[in-house]
Amino acid sequence: MDYGEPSSYMVLEQGVDVISSDGDQVGVVKHVLADEEEDIFDGIVVDTRLGPGGLVFVDASQVAEIYERAVLLSIDAAAAGALPKPSANPAVVEHHGVEDVEGKLRRAWNAISGR
């Protein structure tokens, strides 16, 4: 599959395919979560085609590569099916290191809700 040239989260567009590490299309990019002033990429909100569908949050650490026409994940389709949904008040998330997953989920919710 031709995904185009390597790209950046800064120019990633809505509707770009999201591909799992095992090659399945799991959805399309709905929103990019980033602080461009600080050059910090938090992750993406994906409109998923797995199970009942809906929006899920993919943390930046789960994004392997970004191309013009696809985002490649470092997780397989089964793991993508278990990704958290963005919410205004996310459940307590176990922290692994310095990442602020709850804050990222809150920013994801704010981005999709227009807050």
PDB file of N, CA and C in Angstrom:
ATOM      1  N   MET A   1       0.842  -1.175   0.000  1.00  0.00           N
ATOM      2  CA  MET A   1       0.000   0.000   0.000  1.00  0.00           C
ATOM      3  C   MET A   1       0.891   1.244   0.000  1.00  0.00           C
ATOM      4  N   ASP A   2       0.538   2.216  -0.790  1.00  0.00           N
ATOM      5  CA  ASP A   2       1.299   3.460  -0.864  1.00  0.00           C
ATOM      6  C   ASP A   2       0.692   4.474   0.086  1.00  0.00           C
ATOM      7  N   TYR A   3       1.404   4.772   1.165  1.00  0.00           N
ATOM      8  CA  TYR A   3       0.927   5.720   2.157  1.00  0.00           C
ATOM      9  C   TYR A   3       1.426   7.137   1.885  1.00  0.00           C
ATOM     10  N   GLY A   4       2.230   7.299   0.848  1.00  0.00           N
ATOM     11  CA  GLY A   4       2.794   8.607   0.552  1.00  0.00           C
ATOM     12  C   GLY A   4       4.090   8.821   1.303  1.00  0.00           C
ATOM     13  N   GLU A   5       4.497  10.068   1.353  1.00  0.00           N
ATOM     14  CA  GLU A   5       5.750  10.442   1.997  1.00  0.00           C
ATOM     15  C   GLU A   5       5.591  10.484   3.521  1.00  0.00           C
ATOM     16  N   PRO A   6       6.670  10.246   4.261  1.00  0.00           N
ATOM     17  CA  PRO A   6       6.622  10.452   5.715  1.00  0.00           C
ATOM     18  C   PRO A   6       6.167  11.883   6.000  1.00  0.00           C
ATOM     19  N   SER A   7       5.411  12.038   7.071  1.00  0.00           N
ATOM     20  CA  SER A   7       4.826  13.337   7.371  1.00  0.00           C
ATOM     21  C   SER A   7       4.946  13.632   8.862  1.00  0.00           C
ATOM     22  N   SER A   8       4.221  14.640   9.308  1.00  0.00           N
ATOM     23  CA  SER A   8       4.271  15.098  10.683  1.00  0.00           C
ATOM     24  C   SER A   8       2.862  15.262  11.227  1.00  0.00           C
ATOM     25  N   TYR A   9       2.742  15.171  12.534  1.00  0.00           N
ATOM     26  CA  TYR A   9       1.443  15.420  13.164  1.00  0.00           C
ATOM     27  C   TYR A   9       0.961  16.839  12.884  1.00  0.00           C
ATOM     28  N   MET A  10       1.884  17.748  12.605  1.00  0.00           N
ATOM     29  CA  MET A  10       1.529  19.152  12.385  1.00  0.00           C
ATOM     30  C   MET A  10       0.710  19.366  11.113  1.00  0.00           C
ATOM     31  N   VAL A  11       0.812  18.451  10.159  1.00  0.00           N
ATOM     32  CA  VAL A  11       0.057  18.584   8.910  1.00  0.00           C
ATOM     33  C   VAL A  11      -0.903  17.416   8.695  1.00  0.00           C
ATOM     34  N   LEU A  12      -1.063  16.575   9.700  1.00  0.00           N
ATOM     35  CA  LEU A  12      -1.957  15.424   9.607  1.00  0.00           C
ATOM     36  C   LEU A  12      -3.393  15.900   9.483  1.00  0.00           C
ATOM     37  N   GLU A  13      -4.100  15.384   8.489  1.00  0.00           N
ATOM     38  CA  GLU A  13      -5.454  15.837   8.206  1.00  0.00           C
ATOM     39  C   GLU A  13      -6.505  14.854   8.686  1.00  0.00           C
ATOM     40  N   GLN A  14      -7.679  15.389   8.957  1.00  0.00           N
ATOM     41  CA  GLN A  14      -8.836  14.576   9.315  1.00  0.00           C
ATOM     42  C   GLN A  14      -9.155  13.656   8.139  1.00  0.00           C
ATOM     43  N   GLY A  15      -9.531  12.416   8.450  1.00  0.00           N
ATOM     44  CA  GLY A  15      -9.915  11.462   7.417  1.00  0.00           C
ATOM     45  C   GLY A  15      -8.807  10.549   6.938  1.00  0.00           C
ATOM     46  N   VAL A  16      -7.573  10.773   7.403  1.00  0.00           N
ATOM     47  CA  VAL A  16      -6.446   9.913   7.014  1.00  0.00           C
ATOM     48  C   VAL A  16      -6.629   8.545   7.671  1.00  0.00           C
ATOM     49  N   ASP A  17      -6.357   7.480   6.910  1.00  0.00           N
ATOM     50  CA  ASP A  17      -6.496   6.115   7.413  1.00  0.00           C
ATOM     51  C   ASP A  17      -5.582   5.860   8.599  1.00  0.00           C
ATOM     52  N   VAL A  18      -6.077   5.065   9.556  1.00  0.00           N
ATOM     53  CA  VAL A  18      -5.284   4.628  10.701  1.00  0.00           C
ATOM     54  C   VAL A  18      -5.148   3.112  10.583  1.00  0.00           C
ATOM     55  N   ILE A  19      -3.893   2.638  10.533  1.00  0.00           N
ATOM     56  CA  ILE A  19      -3.583   1.237  10.255  1.00  0.00           C
ATOM     57  C   ILE A  19      -2.908   0.609  11.467  1.00  0.00           C
ATOM     58  N   SER A  20      -3.401  -0.560  11.889  1.00  0.00           N
ATOM     59  CA  SER A  20      -2.806  -1.281  13.018  1.00  0.00           C
ATOM     60  C   SER A  20      -1.474  -1.908  12.604  1.00  0.00           C
ATOM     61  N   SER A  21      -0.718  -2.369  13.590  1.00  0.00           N
ATOM     62  CA  SER A  21       0.592  -2.970  13.307  1.00  0.00           C
ATOM     63  C   SER A  21       0.467  -4.263  12.508  1.00  0.00           C
ATOM     64  N   ASP A  22      -0.721  -4.900  12.543  1.00  0.00           N
ATOM     65  CA  ASP A  22      -0.924  -6.110  11.753  1.00  0.00           C
ATOM     66  C   ASP A  22      -1.593  -5.821  10.407  1.00  0.00           C
ATOM     67  N   GLY A  23      -1.639  -4.535  10.024  1.00  0.00           N
ATOM     68  CA  GLY A  23      -2.057  -4.166   8.683  1.00  0.00           C
ATOM     69  C   GLY A  23      -3.535  -3.900   8.466  1.00  0.00           C
ATOM     70  N   ASP A  24      -4.346  -3.939   9.507  1.00  0.00           N
ATOM     71  CA  ASP A  24      -5.779  -3.681   9.366  1.00  0.00           C
ATOM     72  C   ASP A  24      -6.073  -2.188   9.480  1.00  0.00           C
ATOM     73  N   GLN A  25      -6.991  -1.703   8.636  1.00  0.00           N
ATOM     74  CA  GLN A  25      -7.444  -0.328   8.810  1.00  0.00           C
ATOM     75  C   GLN A  25      -8.435  -0.333   9.964  1.00  0.00           C
ATOM     76  N   VAL A  26      -8.114   0.413  11.024  1.00  0.00           N
ATOM     77  CA  VAL A  26      -8.960   0.421  12.222  1.00  0.00           C
ATOM     78  C   VAL A  26      -9.826   1.668  12.309  1.00  0.00           C
ATOM     79  N   GLY A  27      -9.625   2.618  11.416  1.00  0.00           N
ATOM     80  CA  GLY A  27     -10.427   3.827  11.425  1.00  0.00           C
ATOM     81  C   GLY A  27      -9.750   4.942  10.667  1.00  0.00           C
ATOM     82  N   VAL A  28     -10.227   6.171  10.948  1.00  0.00           N
ATOM     83  CA  VAL A  28      -9.664   7.365  10.316  1.00  0.00           C
ATOM     84  C   VAL A  28      -9.424   8.434  11.379  1.00  0.00           C
ATOM     85  N   VAL A  29      -8.473   9.302  11.111  1.00  0.00           N
ATOM     86  CA  VAL A  29      -8.151  10.386  12.033  1.00  0.00           C
ATOM     87  C   VAL A  29      -9.334  11.342  12.122  1.00  0.00           C
ATOM     88  N   LYS A  30      -9.750  11.620  13.329  1.00  0.00           N
ATOM     89  CA  LYS A  30     -10.811  12.605  13.583  1.00  0.00           C
ATOM     90  C   LYS A  30     -10.199  13.923  14.077  1.00  0.00           C
ATOM     91  N   HIS A  31      -9.241  13.832  15.029  1.00  0.00           N
ATOM     92  CA  HIS A  31      -8.580  15.017  15.585  1.00  0.00           C
ATOM     93  C   HIS A  31      -7.133  14.678  15.921  1.00  0.00           C
ATOM     94  N   VAL A  32      -6.276  15.668  15.792  1.00  0.00           N
ATOM     95  CA  VAL A  32      -4.893  15.564  16.252  1.00  0.00           C
ATOM     96  C   VAL A  32      -4.800  16.363  17.544  1.00  0.00           C
ATOM     97  N   LEU A  33      -4.228  15.754  18.570  1.00  0.00           N
ATOM     98  CA  LEU A  33      -4.079  16.421  19.860  1.00  0.00           C
ATOM     99  C   LEU A  33      -2.612  16.787  20.045  1.00  0.00           C
ATOM    100  N   ALA A  34      -2.361  18.098  20.073  1.00  0.00           N
ATOM    101  CA  ALA A  34      -0.981  18.559  20.175  1.00  0.00           C
ATOM    102  C   ALA A  34      -0.945  19.982  20.694  1.00  0.00           C
ATOM    103  N   ASP A  35       0.187  20.327  21.244  1.00  0.00           N
ATOM    104  CA  ASP A  35       0.476  21.705  21.606  1.00  0.00           C
ATOM    105  C   ASP A  35       1.588  22.138  20.652  1.00  0.00           C
ATOM    106  N   GLU A  36       1.187  22.741  19.545  1.00  0.00           N
ATOM    107  CA  GLU A  36       2.161  23.090  18.512  1.00  0.00           C
ATOM    108  C   GLU A  36       3.173  24.120  18.993  1.00  0.00           C
ATOM    109  N   GLU A  37       2.766  25.018  19.894  1.00  0.00           N
ATOM    110  CA  GLU A  37       3.695  26.023  20.410  1.00  0.00           C
ATOM    111  C   GLU A  37       4.839  25.365  21.173  1.00  0.00           C
ATOM    112  N   GLU A  38       4.537  24.303  21.897  1.00  0.00           N
ATOM    113  CA  GLU A  38       5.556  23.588  22.662  1.00  0.00           C
ATOM    114  C   GLU A  38       6.122  22.394  21.886  1.00  0.00           C
ATOM    115  N   ASP A  39       5.599  22.148  20.670  1.00  0.00           N
ATOM    116  CA  ASP A  39       5.980  21.010  19.828  1.00  0.00           C
ATOM    117  C   ASP A  39       5.804  19.692  20.577  1.00  0.00           C
ATOM    118  N   ILE A  40       4.599  19.517  21.156  1.00  0.00           N
ATOM    119  CA  ILE A  40       4.277  18.294  21.885  1.00  0.00           C
ATOM    120  C   ILE A  40       3.098  17.610  21.201  1.00  0.00           C
ATOM    121  N   PHE A  41       3.307  16.393  20.769  1.00  0.00           N
ATOM    122  CA  PHE A  41       2.277  15.574  20.145  1.00  0.00           C
ATOM    123  C   PHE A  41       1.698  14.653  21.214  1.00  0.00           C
ATOM    124  N   ASP A  42       0.403  14.827  21.543  1.00  0.00           N
ATOM    125  CA  ASP A  42      -0.248  14.023  22.574  1.00  0.00           C
ATOM    126  C   ASP A  42      -0.823  12.730  22.027  1.00  0.00           C
ATOM    127  N   GLY A  43      -1.339  12.756  20.809  1.00  0.00           N
ATOM    128  CA  GLY A  43      -1.974  11.586  20.231  1.00  0.00           C
ATOM    129  C   GLY A  43      -3.048  12.000  19.242  1.00  0.00           C
ATOM    130  N   ILE A  44      -3.915  11.039  18.897  1.00  0.00           N
ATOM    131  CA  ILE A  44      -4.983  11.305  17.946  1.00  0.00           C
ATOM    132  C   ILE A  44      -6.290  10.706  18.454  1.00  0.00           C
ATOM    133  N   VAL A  45      -7.374  11.328  18.032  1.00  0.00           N
ATOM    134  CA  VAL A  45      -8.697  10.750  18.232  1.00  0.00           C
ATOM    135  C   VAL A  45      -9.062  10.096  16.907  1.00  0.00           C
ATOM    136  N   VAL A  46      -9.450   8.828  16.988  1.00  0.00           N
ATOM    137  CA  VAL A  46      -9.741   8.040  15.796  1.00  0.00           C
ATOM    138  C   VAL A  46     -11.219   7.694  15.766  1.00  0.00           C
ATOM    139  N   ASP A  47     -11.835   7.893  14.606  1.00  0.00           N
ATOM    140  CA  ASP A  47     -13.181   7.396  14.362  1.00  0.00           C
ATOM    141  C   ASP A  47     -12.993   5.955  13.915  1.00  0.00           C
ATOM    142  N   THR A  48     -13.284   5.030  14.822  1.00  0.00           N
ATOM    143  CA  THR A  48     -12.939   3.635  14.606  1.00  0.00           C
ATOM    144  C   THR A  48     -14.034   2.864  13.883  1.00  0.00           C
ATOM    145  N   ARG A  49     -13.610   1.837  13.225  1.00  0.00           N
ATOM    146  CA  ARG A  49     -14.538   0.949  12.531  1.00  0.00           C
ATOM    147  C   ARG A  49     -14.595  -0.401  13.225  1.00  0.00           C
ATOM    148  N   LEU A  50     -14.012  -0.473  14.404  1.00  0.00           N
ATOM    149  CA  LEU A  50     -14.003  -1.729  15.156  1.00  0.00           C
ATOM    150  C   LEU A  50     -15.262  -1.833  15.997  1.00  0.00           C
ATOM    151  N   GLY A  51     -15.767  -3.032  16.139  1.00  0.00           N
ATOM    152  CA  GLY A  51     -16.916  -3.266  17.006  1.00  0.00           C
ATOM    153  C   GLY A  51     -18.044  -2.317  16.682  1.00  0.00           C
ATOM    154  N   PRO A  52     -18.597  -1.675  17.701  1.00  0.00           N
ATOM    155  CA  PRO A  52     -19.722  -0.768  17.470  1.00  0.00           C
ATOM    156  C   PRO A  52     -19.301   0.566  16.862  1.00  0.00           C
ATOM    157  N   GLY A  53     -18.024   0.788  16.700  1.00  0.00           N
ATOM    158  CA  GLY A  53     -17.552   2.051  16.146  1.00  0.00           C
ATOM    159  C   GLY A  53     -17.504   3.130  17.200  1.00  0.00           C
ATOM    160  N   GLY A  54     -17.231   4.314  16.772  1.00  0.00           N
ATOM    161  CA  GLY A  54     -17.142   5.429  17.694  1.00  0.00           C
ATOM    162  C   GLY A  54     -15.743   5.981  17.754  1.00  0.00           C
ATOM    163  N   LEU A  55     -15.535   6.907  18.679  1.00  0.00           N
ATOM    164  CA  LEU A  55     -14.253   7.566  18.820  1.00  0.00           C
ATOM    165  C   LEU A  55     -13.408   6.906  19.896  1.00  0.00           C
ATOM    166  N   VAL A  56     -12.105   6.793  19.624  1.00  0.00           N
ATOM    167  CA  VAL A  56     -11.153   6.278  20.609  1.00  0.00           C
ATOM    168  C   VAL A  56      -9.931   7.181  20.613  1.00  0.00           C
ATOM    169  N   PHE A  57      -9.211   7.139  21.736  1.00  0.00           N
ATOM    170  CA  PHE A  57      -7.994   7.925  21.889  1.00  0.00           C
ATOM    171  C   PHE A  57      -6.786   7.027  21.684  1.00  0.00           C
ATOM    172  N   VAL A  58      -5.881   7.449  20.806  1.00  0.00           N
ATOM    173  CA  VAL A  58      -4.613   6.759  20.574  1.00  0.00           C
ATOM    174  C   VAL A  58      -3.510   7.667  21.098  1.00  0.00           C
ATOM    175  N   ASP A  59      -2.799   7.216  22.113  1.00  0.00           N
ATOM    176  CA  ASP A  59      -1.709   7.982  22.701  1.00  0.00           C
ATOM    177  C   ASP A  59      -0.548   8.086  21.702  1.00  0.00           C
ATOM    178  N   ALA A  60       0.203   9.161  21.793  1.00  0.00           N
ATOM    179  CA  ALA A  60       1.342   9.365  20.896  1.00  0.00           C
ATOM    180  C   ALA A  60       2.316   8.185  20.932  1.00  0.00           C
ATOM    181  N   SER A  61       2.458   7.548  22.092  1.00  0.00           N
ATOM    182  CA  SER A  61       3.378   6.410  22.208  1.00  0.00           C
ATOM    183  C   SER A  61       2.911   5.200  21.407  1.00  0.00           C
ATOM    184  N   GLN A  62       1.651   5.185  20.980  1.00  0.00           N
ATOM    185  CA  GLN A  62       1.093   4.082  20.203  1.00  0.00           C
ATOM    186  C   GLN A  62       1.103   4.374  18.702  1.00  0.00           C
ATOM    187  N   VAL A  63       1.601   5.555  18.329  1.00  0.00           N
ATOM    188  CA  VAL A  63       1.721   5.935  16.923  1.00  0.00           C
ATOM    189  C   VAL A  63       3.150   5.638  16.493  1.00  0.00           C
ATOM    190  N   ALA A  64       3.283   4.701  15.549  1.00  0.00           N
ATOM    191  CA  ALA A  64       4.622   4.310  15.094  1.00  0.00           C
ATOM    192  C   ALA A  64       5.150   5.261  14.030  1.00  0.00           C
ATOM    193  N   GLU A  65       4.312   5.574  13.019  1.00  0.00           N
ATOM    194  CA  GLU A  65       4.744   6.416  11.914  1.00  0.00           C
ATOM    195  C   GLU A  65       3.563   7.203  11.368  1.00  0.00           C
ATOM    196  N   ILE A  66       3.849   8.372  10.836  1.00  0.00           N
ATOM    197  CA  ILE A  66       2.830   9.203  10.202  1.00  0.00           C
ATOM    198  C   ILE A  66       3.261   9.448   8.760  1.00  0.00           C
ATOM    199  N   TYR A  67       2.333   9.187   7.845  1.00  0.00           N
ATOM    200  CA  TYR A  67       2.560   9.432   6.424  1.00  0.00           C
ATOM    201  C   TYR A  67       1.486  10.381   5.907  1.00  0.00           C
ATOM    202  N   GLU A  68       1.618  10.785   4.658  1.00  0.00           N
ATOM    203  CA  GLU A  68       0.632  11.690   4.059  1.00  0.00           C
ATOM    204  C   GLU A  68      -0.779  11.101   4.084  1.00  0.00           C
ATOM    205  N   ARG A  69      -0.890   9.792   3.830  1.00  0.00           N
ATOM    206  CA  ARG A  69      -2.206   9.172   3.686  1.00  0.00           C
ATOM    207  C   ARG A  69      -2.485   8.065   4.698  1.00  0.00           C
ATOM    208  N   ALA A  70      -1.681   7.966   5.738  1.00  0.00           N
ATOM    209  CA  ALA A  70      -1.920   6.927   6.743  1.00  0.00           C
ATOM    210  C   ALA A  70      -1.129   7.208   8.012  1.00  0.00           C
ATOM    211  N   VAL A  71      -1.709   6.756   9.112  1.00  0.00           N
ATOM    212  CA  VAL A  71      -1.026   6.735  10.401  1.00  0.00           C
ATOM    213  C   VAL A  71      -0.861   5.264  10.754  1.00  0.00           C
ATOM    214  N   LEU A  72       0.378   4.838  11.000  1.00  0.00           N
ATOM    215  CA  LEU A  72       0.649   3.454  11.367  1.00  0.00           C
ATOM    216  C   LEU A  72       0.810   3.370  12.872  1.00  0.00           C
ATOM    217  N   LEU A  73       0.062   2.452  13.476  1.00  0.00           N
ATOM    218  CA  LEU A  73       0.117   2.263  14.918  1.00  0.00           C
ATOM    219  C   LEU A  73       1.139   1.206  15.293  1.00  0.00           C
ATOM    220  N   SER A  74       1.589   1.251  16.529  1.00  0.00           N
ATOM    221  CA  SER A  74       2.514   0.236  17.048  1.00  0.00           C
ATOM    222  C   SER A  74       1.751  -0.880  17.757  1.00  0.00           C
ATOM    223  N   ILE A  75       0.422  -0.817  17.726  1.00  0.00           N
ATOM    224  CA  ILE A  75      -0.426  -1.833  18.370  1.00  0.00           C
ATOM    225  C   ILE A  75      -1.247  -2.548  17.309  1.00  0.00           C
ATOM    226  N   ASP A  76      -1.624  -3.799  17.606  1.00  0.00           N
ATOM    227  CA  ASP A  76      -2.402  -4.560  16.639  1.00  0.00           C
ATOM    228  C   ASP A  76      -3.884  -4.200  16.708  1.00  0.00           C
ATOM    229  N   ALA A  77      -4.671  -4.790  15.802  1.00  0.00           N
ATOM    230  CA  ALA A  77      -6.094  -4.456  15.712  1.00  0.00           C
ATOM    231  C   ALA A  77      -6.848  -4.817  16.988  1.00  0.00           C
ATOM    232  N   ALA A  78      -6.472  -5.913  17.642  1.00  0.00           N
ATOM    233  CA  ALA A  78      -7.147  -6.304  18.889  1.00  0.00           C
ATOM    234  C   ALA A  78      -6.915  -5.253  19.969  1.00  0.00           C
ATOM    235  N   ALA A  79      -5.687  -4.773  20.099  1.00  0.00           N
ATOM    236  CA  ALA A  79      -5.387  -3.733  21.090  1.00  0.00           C
ATOM    237  C   ALA A  79      -6.083  -2.429  20.718  1.00  0.00           C
ATOM    238  N   ALA A  80      -6.163  -2.134  19.432  1.00  0.00           N
ATOM    239  CA  ALA A  80      -6.850  -0.919  18.988  1.00  0.00           C
ATOM    240  C   ALA A  80      -8.333  -0.985  19.349  1.00  0.00           C
ATOM    241  N   GLY A  81      -8.900  -2.181  19.325  1.00  0.00           N
ATOM    242  CA  GLY A  81     -10.303  -2.356  19.686  1.00  0.00           C
ATOM    243  C   GLY A  81     -10.570  -2.106  21.154  1.00  0.00           C
ATOM    244  N   ALA A  82      -9.523  -2.099  21.969  1.00  0.00           N
ATOM    245  CA  ALA A  82      -9.667  -1.888  23.412  1.00  0.00           C
ATOM    246  C   ALA A  82      -9.217  -0.498  23.853  1.00  0.00           C
ATOM    247  N   LEU A  83      -8.965   0.389  22.897  1.00  0.00           N
ATOM    248  CA  LEU A  83      -8.523   1.743  23.249  1.00  0.00           C
ATOM    249  C   LEU A  83      -9.634   2.497  23.964  1.00  0.00           C
ATOM    250  N   PRO A  84      -9.254   3.425  24.852  1.00  0.00           N
ATOM    251  CA  PRO A  84     -10.274   4.178  25.602  1.00  0.00           C
ATOM    252  C   PRO A  84     -10.991   5.188  24.724  1.00  0.00           C
ATOM    253  N   LYS A  85     -12.223   5.432  25.077  1.00  0.00           N
ATOM    254  CA  LYS A  85     -12.996   6.475  24.416  1.00  0.00           C
ATOM    255  C   LYS A  85     -12.666   7.806  25.078  1.00  0.00           C
ATOM    256  N   PRO A  86     -12.550   8.884  24.289  1.00  0.00           N
ATOM    257  CA  PRO A  86     -12.333  10.192  24.902  1.00  0.00           C
ATOM    258  C   PRO A  86     -13.558  10.566  25.727  1.00  0.00           C
ATOM    259  N   SER A  87     -13.345  11.168  26.880  1.00  0.00           N
ATOM    260  CA  SER A  87     -14.472  11.582  27.712  1.00  0.00           C
ATOM    261  C   SER A  87     -14.100  12.819  28.506  1.00  0.00           C
ATOM    262  N   ALA A  88     -15.131  13.518  28.951  1.00  0.00           N
ATOM    263  CA  ALA A  88     -14.908  14.739  29.731  1.00  0.00           C
ATOM    264  C   ALA A  88     -14.280  14.421  31.073  1.00  0.00           C
ATOM    265  N   ASN A  89     -14.692  13.324  31.677  1.00  0.00           N
ATOM    266  CA  ASN A  89     -14.170  12.911  32.975  1.00  0.00           C
ATOM    267  C   ASN A  89     -13.676  11.476  32.857  1.00  0.00           C
ATOM    268  N   PRO A  90     -12.467  11.282  32.322  1.00  0.00           N
ATOM    269  CA  PRO A  90     -11.985   9.921  32.131  1.00  0.00           C
ATOM    270  C   PRO A  90     -11.819   9.195  33.455  1.00  0.00           C
ATOM    271  N   ALA A  91     -11.971   7.897  33.378  1.00  0.00           N
ATOM    272  CA  ALA A  91     -11.757   7.059  34.555  1.00  0.00           C
ATOM    273  C   ALA A  91     -10.302   7.169  34.977  1.00  0.00           C
ATOM    274  N   VAL A  92     -10.025   6.762  36.170  1.00  0.00           N
ATOM    275  CA  VAL A  92      -8.646   6.773  36.639  1.00  0.00           C
ATOM    276  C   VAL A  92      -7.856   5.809  35.771  1.00  0.00           C
ATOM    277  N   VAL A  93      -6.759   6.289  35.260  1.00  0.00           N
ATOM    278  CA  VAL A  93      -5.926   5.506  34.374  1.00  0.00           C
ATOM    279  C   VAL A  93      -4.615   5.223  35.074  1.00  0.00           C
ATOM    280  N   GLU A  94      -4.158   3.990  34.981  1.00  0.00           N
ATOM    281  CA  GLU A  94      -2.879   3.644  35.593  1.00  0.00           C
ATOM    282  C   GLU A  94      -1.770   4.357  34.848  1.00  0.00           C
ATOM    283  N   HIS A  95      -0.920   5.056  35.568  1.00  0.00           N
ATOM    284  CA  HIS A  95       0.159   5.815  34.949  1.00  0.00           C
ATOM    285  C   HIS A  95       1.417   4.957  34.867  1.00  0.00           C
ATOM    286  N   HIS A  96       2.027   4.979  33.708  1.00  0.00           N
ATOM    287  CA  HIS A  96       3.280   4.263  33.470  1.00  0.00           C
ATOM    288  C   HIS A  96       4.339   5.307  33.158  1.00  0.00           C
ATOM    289  N   GLY A  97       5.017   5.800  34.147  1.00  0.00           N
ATOM    290  CA  GLY A  97       6.033   6.814  33.913  1.00  0.00           C
ATOM    291  C   GLY A  97       5.452   8.203  34.017  1.00  0.00           C
ATOM    292  N   VAL A  98       5.975   9.141  33.212  1.00  0.00           N
ATOM    293  CA  VAL A  98       5.622  10.547  33.356  1.00  0.00           C
ATOM    294  C   VAL A  98       4.449  10.973  32.479  1.00  0.00           C
ATOM    295  N   GLU A  99       3.904  10.085  31.673  1.00  0.00           N
ATOM    296  CA  GLU A  99       2.829  10.483  30.783  1.00  0.00           C
ATOM    297  C   GLU A  99       1.563  10.824  31.546  1.00  0.00           C
ATOM    298  N   ASP A 100       0.866  11.815  31.085  1.00  0.00           N
ATOM    299  CA  ASP A 100      -0.367  12.264  31.700  1.00  0.00           C
ATOM    300  C   ASP A 100      -1.530  11.807  30.825  1.00  0.00           C
ATOM    301  N   VAL A 101      -1.912  10.534  30.923  1.00  0.00           N
ATOM    302  CA  VAL A 101      -2.953   9.970  30.075  1.00  0.00           C
ATOM    303  C   VAL A 101      -4.289  10.633  30.360  1.00  0.00           C
ATOM    304  N   GLU A 102      -4.598  10.875  31.625  1.00  0.00           N
ATOM    305  CA  GLU A 102      -5.871  11.519  31.958  1.00  0.00           C
ATOM    306  C   GLU A 102      -5.956  12.893  31.320  1.00  0.00           C
ATOM    307  N   GLY A 103      -4.890  13.653  31.377  1.00  0.00           N
ATOM    308  CA  GLY A 103      -4.865  14.977  30.747  1.00  0.00           C
ATOM    309  C   GLY A 103      -5.035  14.890  29.239  1.00  0.00           C
ATOM    310  N   LYS A 104      -4.431  13.887  28.634  1.00  0.00           N
ATOM    311  CA  LYS A 104      -4.559  13.703  27.192  1.00  0.00           C
ATOM    312  C   LYS A 104      -5.999  13.361  26.826  1.00  0.00           C
ATOM    313  N   LEU A 105      -6.628  12.497  27.616  1.00  0.00           N
ATOM    314  CA  LEU A 105      -8.029  12.163  27.356  1.00  0.00           C
ATOM    315  C   LEU A 105      -8.923  13.392  27.528  1.00  0.00           C
ATOM    316  N   ARG A 106      -8.634  14.206  28.524  1.00  0.00           N
ATOM    317  CA  ARG A 106      -9.420  15.427  28.739  1.00  0.00           C
ATOM    318  C   ARG A 106      -9.252  16.372  27.540  1.00  0.00           C
ATOM    319  N   ARG A 107      -8.003  16.535  27.046  1.00  0.00           N
ATOM    320  CA  ARG A 107      -7.784  17.387  25.879  1.00  0.00           C
ATOM    321  C   ARG A 107      -8.494  16.815  24.652  1.00  0.00           C
ATOM    322  N   ALA A 108      -8.526  15.481  24.524  1.00  0.00           N
ATOM    323  CA  ALA A 108      -9.236  14.848  23.412  1.00  0.00           C
ATOM    324  C   ALA A 108     -10.719  15.187  23.479  1.00  0.00           C
ATOM    325  N   TRP A 109     -11.297  15.068  24.665  1.00  0.00           N
ATOM    326  CA  TRP A 109     -12.714  15.390  24.832  1.00  0.00           C
ATOM    327  C   TRP A 109     -12.968  16.862  24.522  1.00  0.00           C
ATOM    328  N   ASN A 110     -12.113  17.739  25.026  1.00  0.00           N
ATOM    329  CA  ASN A 110     -12.293  19.166  24.763  1.00  0.00           C
ATOM    330  C   ASN A 110     -12.207  19.471  23.277  1.00  0.00           C
ATOM    331  N   ALA A 111     -11.317  18.784  22.561  1.00  0.00           N
ATOM    332  CA  ALA A 111     -11.172  19.015  21.124  1.00  0.00           C
ATOM    333  C   ALA A 111     -12.422  18.589  20.363  1.00  0.00           C
ATOM    334  N   ILE A 112     -12.993  17.446  20.722  1.00  0.00           N
ATOM    335  CA  ILE A 112     -14.160  16.980  19.965  1.00  0.00           C
ATOM    336  C   ILE A 112     -15.449  17.629  20.414  1.00  0.00           C
ATOM    337  N   SER A 113     -15.478  18.154  21.634  1.00  0.00           N
ATOM    338  CA  SER A 113     -16.702  18.800  22.125  1.00  0.00           C
ATOM    339  C   SER A 113     -16.700  20.304  21.871  1.00  0.00           C
ATOM    340  N   GLY A 114     -15.586  20.835  21.349  1.00  0.00           N
ATOM    341  CA  GLY A 114     -15.510  22.255  21.033  1.00  0.00           C
ATOM    342  C   GLY A 114     -15.227  23.148  22.207  1.00  0.00           C
ATOM    343  N   ARG A 115     -14.786  22.571  23.319  1.00  0.00           N
ATOM    344  CA  ARG A 115     -14.489  23.378  24.517  1.00  0.00           C
ATOM    345  C   ARG A 115     -13.139  24.019  24.421  1.00  0.00           C
TER     346      ARG A 115
END
